[in-house]
Amino acid sequence: MDNFAAIDFETANNERTSVCSMGIVIVKNGEPVDRFYSLIRPEPEYYLYWNTRVHGLTKQDTACSPVFPEVWKQIAPRIEGLPLVAHNKAFDEGCLKAVFRAYCMDYPDYEFYCTYQASKKLKGLRNYQLHTVAGHLGFELKKHHHALADAEACAWIARLIL
C-alpha cells in the first residue's frame, strides 16, 4: 500500500467518544509526507486513572483544547480519498465512528485497514502489540501511547506489511 493515512487515538476514559489526542501520518507514494497531532477536549470530559496512566494526559492538558469537530475540519481535506490504517482497527475505527455520532457528523465510510491483524502473519513475535511489531520491523517506538508516535509506528508497519 503506497497511499494511506495512519491514525491513532488516545482516550480519556472508557467511552470511545472520549478521544483526547489524535495523531495522523499521511503516506504518499510509500513515503510519509505529512504529520498531524492535536490534543482534543474529550466527550465526556473526565479522565480515568488508568487511561492517564497509559498516555499521561489529564483534564488540565486538554481543558483549553478544541473539540473533535474543530480538529477534524483540519484533517478531512488532508485524508480525502485515502484509506485509513490503524494498529487495532477495532479500537481506532470505533473511536472515530463514535465521536462522529456524538457530534452528529456524517461519517464518510472510510476504508480502514488493520496492521494488528496483518502483523499476525509475522513469525517469531512474542505478541502483536504495536511496539513489539514496530521493533521487529526496525522502528524504534520511543513514545508509545503518544498518538503521533503511535501513528508513525503504524505507518512504518503498514508500509512494510500491507
N, C-alpha and C. Protein backbone atom coordinates (compact mmCIF):
# COMPACT_ATOMS: atom_id res chain seq x y z
N MET A 1 0.85 -1.17 0.00
CA MET A 1 0.00 0.00 0.00
C MET A 1 0.90 1.24 0.00
N ASP A 2 0.72 2.09 -0.97
CA ASP A 2 1.58 3.26 -1.13
C ASP A 2 0.96 4.57 -0.64
N ASN A 3 -0.36 4.65 -0.60
CA ASN A 3 -1.05 5.89 -0.22
C ASN A 3 -2.09 5.59 0.84
N PHE A 4 -1.92 6.19 2.01
CA PHE A 4 -2.84 5.97 3.12
C PHE A 4 -2.57 6.99 4.21
N ALA A 5 -3.45 6.99 5.21
CA ALA A 5 -3.25 7.80 6.40
C ALA A 5 -3.29 6.88 7.62
N ALA A 6 -2.20 6.82 8.36
CA ALA A 6 -2.16 6.06 9.61
C ALA A 6 -2.72 6.96 10.71
N ILE A 7 -3.60 6.40 11.53
CA ILE A 7 -4.30 7.20 12.54
C ILE A 7 -4.24 6.50 13.89
N ASP A 8 -4.14 7.31 14.94
CA ASP A 8 -4.15 6.76 16.29
C ASP A 8 -4.87 7.73 17.22
N PHE A 9 -5.69 7.17 18.10
CA PHE A 9 -6.39 7.94 19.13
C PHE A 9 -5.97 7.49 20.51
N GLU A 10 -5.97 8.42 21.44
CA GLU A 10 -5.91 8.11 22.86
C GLU A 10 -7.22 8.59 23.45
N THR A 11 -7.72 7.89 24.47
CA THR A 11 -8.99 8.26 25.08
C THR A 11 -8.83 8.61 26.55
N ALA A 12 -9.73 9.43 27.03
CA ALA A 12 -9.69 9.91 28.41
C ALA A 12 -10.32 8.92 29.39
N ASN A 13 -11.25 8.12 28.90
CA ASN A 13 -11.97 7.18 29.76
C ASN A 13 -12.43 6.00 28.92
N ASN A 14 -13.34 5.21 29.42
CA ASN A 14 -13.77 4.00 28.70
C ASN A 14 -14.73 4.27 27.54
N GLU A 15 -15.19 5.49 27.40
CA GLU A 15 -16.09 5.83 26.30
C GLU A 15 -15.28 6.06 25.03
N ARG A 16 -15.70 5.43 23.94
CA ARG A 16 -14.99 5.61 22.67
C ARG A 16 -15.07 7.07 22.18
N THR A 17 -16.05 7.81 22.65
CA THR A 17 -16.19 9.21 22.25
C THR A 17 -15.19 10.12 22.94
N SER A 18 -14.46 9.61 23.92
CA SER A 18 -13.60 10.45 24.76
C SER A 18 -12.20 10.64 24.19
N VAL A 19 -12.09 10.75 22.87
CA VAL A 19 -10.76 10.96 22.29
C VAL A 19 -10.16 12.24 22.86
N CYS A 20 -8.93 12.13 23.34
CA CYS A 20 -8.27 13.28 23.96
C CYS A 20 -7.00 13.67 23.20
N SER A 21 -6.56 12.81 22.31
CA SER A 21 -5.47 13.18 21.40
C SER A 21 -5.56 12.31 20.16
N MET A 22 -5.02 12.86 19.08
CA MET A 22 -5.06 12.18 17.79
C MET A 22 -3.78 12.46 17.03
N GLY A 23 -3.23 11.42 16.44
CA GLY A 23 -2.08 11.57 15.57
C GLY A 23 -2.38 10.96 14.21
N ILE A 24 -1.90 11.61 13.17
CA ILE A 24 -2.09 11.10 11.81
C ILE A 24 -0.79 11.28 11.04
N VAL A 25 -0.42 10.25 10.30
CA VAL A 25 0.72 10.31 9.39
C VAL A 25 0.20 9.97 8.00
N ILE A 26 0.39 10.87 7.06
CA ILE A 26 -0.08 10.67 5.70
C ILE A 26 1.10 10.18 4.85
N VAL A 27 0.86 9.07 4.17
CA VAL A 27 1.88 8.45 3.33
C VAL A 27 1.41 8.52 1.88
N LYS A 28 2.28 9.05 1.03
CA LYS A 28 2.00 9.09 -0.41
C LYS A 28 3.21 8.52 -1.14
N ASN A 29 2.93 7.68 -2.12
CA ASN A 29 3.99 7.01 -2.87
C ASN A 29 4.99 6.33 -1.95
N GLY A 30 4.47 5.76 -0.86
CA GLY A 30 5.30 4.99 0.06
C GLY A 30 6.12 5.79 1.05
N GLU A 31 5.98 7.11 1.04
CA GLU A 31 6.77 7.96 1.93
C GLU A 31 5.88 8.85 2.78
N PRO A 32 6.21 9.02 4.05
CA PRO A 32 5.45 9.97 4.88
C PRO A 32 5.63 11.39 4.37
N VAL A 33 4.51 12.07 4.13
CA VAL A 33 4.57 13.43 3.58
C VAL A 33 3.94 14.47 4.49
N ASP A 34 3.18 14.03 5.48
CA ASP A 34 2.51 14.98 6.36
C ASP A 34 2.24 14.29 7.70
N ARG A 35 2.34 15.07 8.76
CA ARG A 35 2.05 14.59 10.11
C ARG A 35 1.15 15.60 10.80
N PHE A 36 0.25 15.09 11.62
CA PHE A 36 -0.66 15.97 12.35
C PHE A 36 -0.87 15.41 13.74
N TYR A 37 -0.84 16.30 14.73
CA TYR A 37 -1.11 15.91 16.11
C TYR A 37 -1.95 16.99 16.76
N SER A 38 -2.91 16.57 17.56
CA SER A 38 -3.69 17.54 18.31
C SER A 38 -4.20 16.91 19.60
N LEU A 39 -4.20 17.73 20.63
CA LEU A 39 -4.96 17.39 21.82
C LEU A 39 -6.41 17.75 21.52
N ILE A 40 -7.34 17.06 22.16
CA ILE A 40 -8.76 17.25 21.91
C ILE A 40 -9.48 17.25 23.27
N ARG A 41 -10.40 18.17 23.45
CA ARG A 41 -11.21 18.15 24.67
C ARG A 41 -12.19 16.99 24.54
N PRO A 42 -12.09 16.00 25.44
CA PRO A 42 -12.88 14.78 25.28
C PRO A 42 -14.36 14.97 25.61
N GLU A 43 -15.16 14.04 25.10
CA GLU A 43 -16.60 13.99 25.39
C GLU A 43 -16.95 12.56 25.76
N PRO A 44 -17.31 12.26 27.00
CA PRO A 44 -17.44 13.16 28.14
C PRO A 44 -16.07 13.59 28.67
N GLU A 45 -16.08 14.72 29.34
CA GLU A 45 -14.82 15.35 29.74
C GLU A 45 -14.40 14.96 31.16
N TYR A 46 -13.98 13.73 31.30
CA TYR A 46 -13.36 13.27 32.55
C TYR A 46 -12.32 12.22 32.20
N TYR A 47 -11.33 12.10 33.06
CA TYR A 47 -10.23 11.16 32.84
C TYR A 47 -10.26 10.07 33.90
N LEU A 48 -10.08 8.85 33.46
CA LEU A 48 -9.90 7.75 34.38
C LEU A 48 -8.41 7.59 34.70
N TYR A 49 -8.15 7.21 35.91
CA TYR A 49 -6.77 6.99 36.36
C TYR A 49 -6.00 6.09 35.39
N TRP A 50 -6.64 4.99 34.98
CA TRP A 50 -5.94 4.01 34.14
C TRP A 50 -5.59 4.58 32.77
N ASN A 51 -6.47 5.38 32.20
CA ASN A 51 -6.17 5.99 30.90
C ASN A 51 -5.01 6.96 31.03
N THR A 52 -5.05 7.80 32.06
CA THR A 52 -3.95 8.74 32.29
C THR A 52 -2.65 8.00 32.52
N ARG A 53 -2.72 6.89 33.22
CA ARG A 53 -1.52 6.10 33.47
C ARG A 53 -0.89 5.59 32.17
N VAL A 54 -1.73 5.28 31.19
CA VAL A 54 -1.23 4.78 29.91
C VAL A 54 -0.58 5.89 29.10
N HIS A 55 -1.29 7.02 28.90
CA HIS A 55 -0.78 8.04 27.99
C HIS A 55 -0.28 9.32 28.66
N GLY A 56 -0.54 9.48 29.94
CA GLY A 56 -0.02 10.64 30.67
C GLY A 56 -0.84 11.91 30.56
N LEU A 57 -1.93 11.88 29.82
CA LEU A 57 -2.74 13.10 29.64
C LEU A 57 -3.76 13.23 30.77
N THR A 58 -4.03 14.49 31.14
CA THR A 58 -5.01 14.78 32.19
C THR A 58 -5.99 15.84 31.69
N LYS A 59 -7.01 16.09 32.50
CA LYS A 59 -8.01 17.10 32.15
C LYS A 59 -7.35 18.47 31.97
N GLN A 60 -6.34 18.76 32.76
CA GLN A 60 -5.64 20.05 32.64
C GLN A 60 -4.95 20.18 31.27
N ASP A 61 -4.50 19.07 30.73
CA ASP A 61 -3.82 19.11 29.42
C ASP A 61 -4.78 19.48 28.29
N THR A 62 -6.03 19.07 28.41
CA THR A 62 -6.96 19.25 27.29
C THR A 62 -8.08 20.26 27.56
N ALA A 63 -8.08 20.87 28.73
CA ALA A 63 -9.17 21.78 29.12
C ALA A 63 -9.39 22.92 28.12
N CYS A 64 -8.34 23.41 27.53
CA CYS A 64 -8.45 24.52 26.57
C CYS A 64 -8.29 24.05 25.12
N SER A 65 -8.31 22.75 24.90
CA SER A 65 -8.14 22.19 23.56
C SER A 65 -9.44 22.27 22.77
N PRO A 66 -9.34 22.22 21.45
CA PRO A 66 -10.55 22.23 20.63
C PRO A 66 -11.33 20.92 20.77
N VAL A 67 -12.63 20.97 20.49
CA VAL A 67 -13.44 19.76 20.45
C VAL A 67 -13.19 19.06 19.11
N PHE A 68 -13.61 17.80 19.03
CA PHE A 68 -13.32 16.97 17.87
C PHE A 68 -13.72 17.59 16.53
N PRO A 69 -14.94 18.13 16.36
CA PRO A 69 -15.30 18.67 15.04
C PRO A 69 -14.34 19.75 14.55
N GLU A 70 -13.84 20.57 15.46
CA GLU A 70 -12.89 21.62 15.07
C GLU A 70 -11.57 21.01 14.57
N VAL A 71 -11.13 19.97 15.23
CA VAL A 71 -9.90 19.30 14.82
C VAL A 71 -10.11 18.58 13.50
N TRP A 72 -11.24 17.90 13.36
CA TRP A 72 -11.49 17.12 12.15
C TRP A 72 -11.57 17.99 10.90
N LYS A 73 -11.99 19.24 11.05
CA LYS A 73 -12.01 20.16 9.90
C LYS A 73 -10.63 20.34 9.30
N GLN A 74 -9.62 20.24 10.14
CA GLN A 74 -8.23 20.35 9.65
C GLN A 74 -7.76 19.06 8.99
N ILE A 75 -8.32 17.94 9.42
CA ILE A 75 -7.88 16.62 8.96
C ILE A 75 -8.56 16.21 7.66
N ALA A 76 -9.87 16.39 7.58
CA ALA A 76 -10.66 15.86 6.47
C ALA A 76 -10.07 16.16 5.10
N PRO A 77 -9.66 17.40 4.81
CA PRO A 77 -9.11 17.65 3.47
C PRO A 77 -7.78 16.93 3.23
N ARG A 78 -7.03 16.71 4.27
CA ARG A 78 -5.71 16.06 4.13
C ARG A 78 -5.83 14.58 3.80
N ILE A 79 -6.89 13.94 4.30
CA ILE A 79 -7.01 12.49 4.12
C ILE A 79 -8.04 12.11 3.06
N GLU A 80 -8.61 13.09 2.40
CA GLU A 80 -9.65 12.81 1.41
C GLU A 80 -9.15 11.81 0.37
N GLY A 81 -9.94 10.77 0.16
CA GLY A 81 -9.62 9.75 -0.83
C GLY A 81 -8.61 8.71 -0.38
N LEU A 82 -8.10 8.84 0.84
CA LEU A 82 -7.10 7.89 1.34
C LEU A 82 -7.74 6.86 2.26
N PRO A 83 -7.30 5.61 2.18
CA PRO A 83 -7.72 4.65 3.19
C PRO A 83 -7.03 4.97 4.51
N LEU A 84 -7.66 4.61 5.61
CA LEU A 84 -7.08 4.79 6.93
C LEU A 84 -6.50 3.47 7.41
N VAL A 85 -5.44 3.57 8.19
CA VAL A 85 -4.78 2.39 8.74
C VAL A 85 -4.57 2.63 10.22
N ALA A 86 -4.84 1.61 11.02
CA ALA A 86 -4.62 1.69 12.46
C ALA A 86 -4.08 0.36 12.96
N HIS A 87 -3.36 0.41 14.06
CA HIS A 87 -2.93 -0.81 14.71
C HIS A 87 -3.98 -1.12 15.77
N ASN A 88 -4.81 -2.06 15.47
CA ASN A 88 -6.03 -2.40 16.20
C ASN A 88 -7.16 -1.51 15.70
N LYS A 89 -7.50 -1.75 14.48
CA LYS A 89 -8.56 -1.01 13.78
C LYS A 89 -9.86 -0.98 14.59
N ALA A 90 -10.17 -2.06 15.30
CA ALA A 90 -11.43 -2.11 16.05
C ALA A 90 -11.52 -0.95 17.04
N PHE A 91 -10.41 -0.62 17.69
CA PHE A 91 -10.41 0.49 18.64
C PHE A 91 -10.49 1.83 17.93
N ASP A 92 -9.57 2.10 17.01
CA ASP A 92 -9.49 3.42 16.39
C ASP A 92 -10.67 3.72 15.49
N GLU A 93 -11.11 2.74 14.70
CA GLU A 93 -12.29 2.95 13.88
C GLU A 93 -13.52 3.12 14.77
N GLY A 94 -13.58 2.36 15.86
CA GLY A 94 -14.67 2.50 16.82
C GLY A 94 -14.72 3.89 17.43
N CYS A 95 -13.55 4.43 17.78
CA CYS A 95 -13.48 5.79 18.31
C CYS A 95 -13.95 6.80 17.27
N LEU A 96 -13.47 6.65 16.05
CA LEU A 96 -13.82 7.60 15.01
C LEU A 96 -15.33 7.60 14.75
N LYS A 97 -15.91 6.42 14.62
CA LYS A 97 -17.35 6.35 14.39
C LYS A 97 -18.14 6.89 15.58
N ALA A 98 -17.69 6.58 16.78
CA ALA A 98 -18.41 7.03 17.98
C ALA A 98 -18.38 8.55 18.12
N VAL A 99 -17.24 9.14 17.86
CA VAL A 99 -17.13 10.59 18.02
C VAL A 99 -17.88 11.31 16.90
N PHE A 100 -17.92 10.73 15.71
CA PHE A 100 -18.76 11.29 14.65
C PHE A 100 -20.23 11.28 15.08
N ARG A 101 -20.68 10.16 15.66
CA ARG A 101 -22.07 10.06 16.14
C ARG A 101 -22.34 11.06 17.26
N ALA A 102 -21.39 11.17 18.20
CA ALA A 102 -21.58 12.05 19.35
C ALA A 102 -21.78 13.50 18.94
N TYR A 103 -21.14 13.89 17.85
CA TYR A 103 -21.24 15.28 17.39
C TYR A 103 -22.18 15.41 16.19
N CYS A 104 -22.97 14.37 15.94
CA CYS A 104 -23.96 14.39 14.84
C CYS A 104 -23.33 14.77 13.51
N MET A 105 -22.17 14.21 13.25
CA MET A 105 -21.46 14.44 11.99
C MET A 105 -21.73 13.25 11.05
N ASP A 106 -21.77 13.50 9.76
CA ASP A 106 -21.96 12.42 8.78
C ASP A 106 -20.64 11.68 8.59
N TYR A 107 -20.66 10.39 8.88
CA TYR A 107 -19.45 9.57 8.74
C TYR A 107 -19.28 9.16 7.28
N PRO A 108 -18.10 9.45 6.70
CA PRO A 108 -17.91 9.20 5.27
C PRO A 108 -17.55 7.76 4.88
N ASP A 109 -17.75 6.79 5.73
CA ASP A 109 -17.43 5.38 5.43
C ASP A 109 -15.99 5.21 4.95
N TYR A 110 -15.06 5.61 5.78
CA TYR A 110 -13.65 5.46 5.45
C TYR A 110 -13.30 3.99 5.28
N GLU A 111 -12.47 3.71 4.31
CA GLU A 111 -11.90 2.38 4.15
C GLU A 111 -10.81 2.24 5.21
N PHE A 112 -10.86 1.19 6.02
CA PHE A 112 -9.95 1.03 7.15
C PHE A 112 -9.18 -0.28 7.03
N TYR A 113 -7.88 -0.24 7.29
CA TYR A 113 -7.04 -1.44 7.33
C TYR A 113 -6.41 -1.56 8.71
N CYS A 114 -6.03 -2.78 9.06
CA CYS A 114 -5.53 -3.05 10.41
C CYS A 114 -4.14 -3.69 10.37
N THR A 115 -3.14 -2.99 10.88
CA THR A 115 -1.80 -3.56 10.93
C THR A 115 -1.68 -4.61 12.04
N TYR A 116 -2.52 -4.52 13.05
CA TYR A 116 -2.51 -5.55 14.10
C TYR A 116 -2.87 -6.91 13.50
N GLN A 117 -3.98 -6.96 12.78
CA GLN A 117 -4.40 -8.22 12.15
C GLN A 117 -3.37 -8.69 11.12
N ALA A 118 -2.88 -7.76 10.31
CA ALA A 118 -1.90 -8.12 9.28
C ALA A 118 -0.60 -8.63 9.90
N SER A 119 -0.23 -8.10 11.06
CA SER A 119 1.04 -8.50 11.69
C SER A 119 1.00 -9.91 12.24
N LYS A 120 -0.18 -10.48 12.39
CA LYS A 120 -0.28 -11.85 12.91
C LYS A 120 0.30 -12.87 11.94
N LYS A 121 0.60 -12.45 10.74
CA LYS A 121 1.25 -13.33 9.76
C LYS A 121 2.76 -13.40 9.99
N LEU A 122 3.30 -12.46 10.77
CA LEU A 122 4.73 -12.46 11.06
C LEU A 122 5.06 -13.59 12.03
N LYS A 123 6.21 -14.18 11.88
CA LYS A 123 6.63 -15.30 12.73
C LYS A 123 7.64 -14.83 13.77
N GLY A 124 7.62 -15.50 14.90
CA GLY A 124 8.66 -15.29 15.91
C GLY A 124 8.43 -14.13 16.86
N LEU A 125 7.22 -13.57 16.89
CA LEU A 125 6.94 -12.46 17.81
C LEU A 125 6.29 -12.99 19.08
N ARG A 126 6.64 -12.41 20.23
CA ARG A 126 6.03 -12.84 21.49
C ARG A 126 4.60 -12.33 21.64
N ASN A 127 4.28 -11.22 20.95
CA ASN A 127 2.92 -10.69 20.90
C ASN A 127 2.83 -9.77 19.68
N TYR A 128 1.69 -9.19 19.46
CA TYR A 128 1.48 -8.35 18.28
C TYR A 128 1.14 -6.91 18.65
N GLN A 129 1.59 -6.51 19.84
CA GLN A 129 1.41 -5.13 20.26
C GLN A 129 2.22 -4.21 19.35
N LEU A 130 1.79 -2.97 19.28
CA LEU A 130 2.40 -2.00 18.37
C LEU A 130 3.91 -1.91 18.55
N HIS A 131 4.38 -1.73 19.77
CA HIS A 131 5.82 -1.57 19.99
C HIS A 131 6.60 -2.83 19.65
N THR A 132 6.00 -4.00 19.85
CA THR A 132 6.66 -5.25 19.53
C THR A 132 6.81 -5.42 18.01
N VAL A 133 5.73 -5.20 17.28
CA VAL A 133 5.75 -5.34 15.82
C VAL A 133 6.67 -4.30 15.20
N ALA A 134 6.54 -3.05 15.67
CA ALA A 134 7.39 -1.98 15.13
C ALA A 134 8.86 -2.30 15.34
N GLY A 135 9.23 -2.73 16.55
CA GLY A 135 10.62 -3.07 16.83
C GLY A 135 11.11 -4.22 15.98
N HIS A 136 10.27 -5.21 15.79
CA HIS A 136 10.63 -6.36 14.94
C HIS A 136 10.92 -5.92 13.50
N LEU A 137 10.22 -4.88 13.07
CA LEU A 137 10.38 -4.39 11.69
C LEU A 137 11.37 -3.23 11.58
N GLY A 138 12.09 -2.95 12.67
CA GLY A 138 13.17 -1.96 12.61
C GLY A 138 12.79 -0.54 12.97
N PHE A 139 11.65 -0.34 13.60
CA PHE A 139 11.24 1.00 14.01
C PHE A 139 11.29 1.09 15.52
N GLU A 140 12.03 2.05 16.04
CA GLU A 140 12.11 2.23 17.48
C GLU A 140 11.02 3.20 17.93
N LEU A 141 10.05 2.67 18.64
CA LEU A 141 8.93 3.47 19.14
C LEU A 141 9.32 4.01 20.51
N LYS A 142 9.70 5.29 20.55
CA LYS A 142 10.23 5.89 21.77
C LYS A 142 9.15 6.43 22.70
N LYS A 143 8.02 6.85 22.17
CA LYS A 143 6.96 7.46 23.00
C LYS A 143 5.65 6.70 22.82
N HIS A 144 5.67 5.41 23.15
CA HIS A 144 4.47 4.60 23.00
C HIS A 144 3.30 5.22 23.76
N HIS A 145 2.14 5.25 23.14
CA HIS A 145 0.91 5.85 23.63
C HIS A 145 0.88 7.36 23.51
N HIS A 146 1.80 7.93 22.75
CA HIS A 146 1.65 9.30 22.26
C HIS A 146 1.04 9.11 20.87
N ALA A 147 -0.09 9.73 20.62
CA ALA A 147 -0.85 9.44 19.40
C ALA A 147 -0.05 9.61 18.12
N LEU A 148 0.79 10.63 18.03
CA LEU A 148 1.57 10.82 16.81
C LEU A 148 2.67 9.76 16.69
N ALA A 149 3.34 9.47 17.79
CA ALA A 149 4.39 8.43 17.76
C ALA A 149 3.78 7.09 17.36
N ASP A 150 2.61 6.77 17.90
CA ASP A 150 1.96 5.51 17.54
C ASP A 150 1.51 5.50 16.08
N ALA A 151 1.03 6.64 15.58
CA ALA A 151 0.65 6.72 14.16
C ALA A 151 1.88 6.54 13.27
N GLU A 152 3.01 7.09 13.68
CA GLU A 152 4.25 6.92 12.90
C GLU A 152 4.67 5.46 12.88
N ALA A 153 4.57 4.78 14.02
CA ALA A 153 4.91 3.35 14.06
C ALA A 153 3.96 2.55 13.18
N CYS A 154 2.68 2.89 13.24
CA CYS A 154 1.69 2.21 12.42
C CYS A 154 1.98 2.41 10.93
N ALA A 155 2.33 3.63 10.56
CA ALA A 155 2.66 3.92 9.16
C ALA A 155 3.86 3.10 8.71
N TRP A 156 4.87 2.99 9.56
CA TRP A 156 6.06 2.19 9.25
C TRP A 156 5.67 0.74 9.00
N ILE A 157 4.87 0.21 9.91
CA ILE A 157 4.43 -1.19 9.78
C ILE A 157 3.62 -1.37 8.51
N ALA A 158 2.68 -0.48 8.26
CA ALA A 158 1.82 -0.59 7.08
C ALA A 158 2.62 -0.57 5.79
N ARG A 159 3.64 0.29 5.74
CA ARG A 159 4.47 0.37 4.53
C ARG A 159 5.16 -0.96 4.25
N LEU A 160 5.42 -1.72 5.29
CA LEU A 160 6.17 -2.97 5.11
C LEU A 160 5.30 -4.21 4.97
N ILE A 161 4.11 -4.22 5.57
CA ILE A 161 3.34 -5.47 5.55
C ILE A 161 1.97 -5.39 4.89
N LEU A 162 1.50 -4.19 4.56
CA LEU A 162 0.18 -4.12 3.89
C LEU A 162 0.36 -4.05 2.38
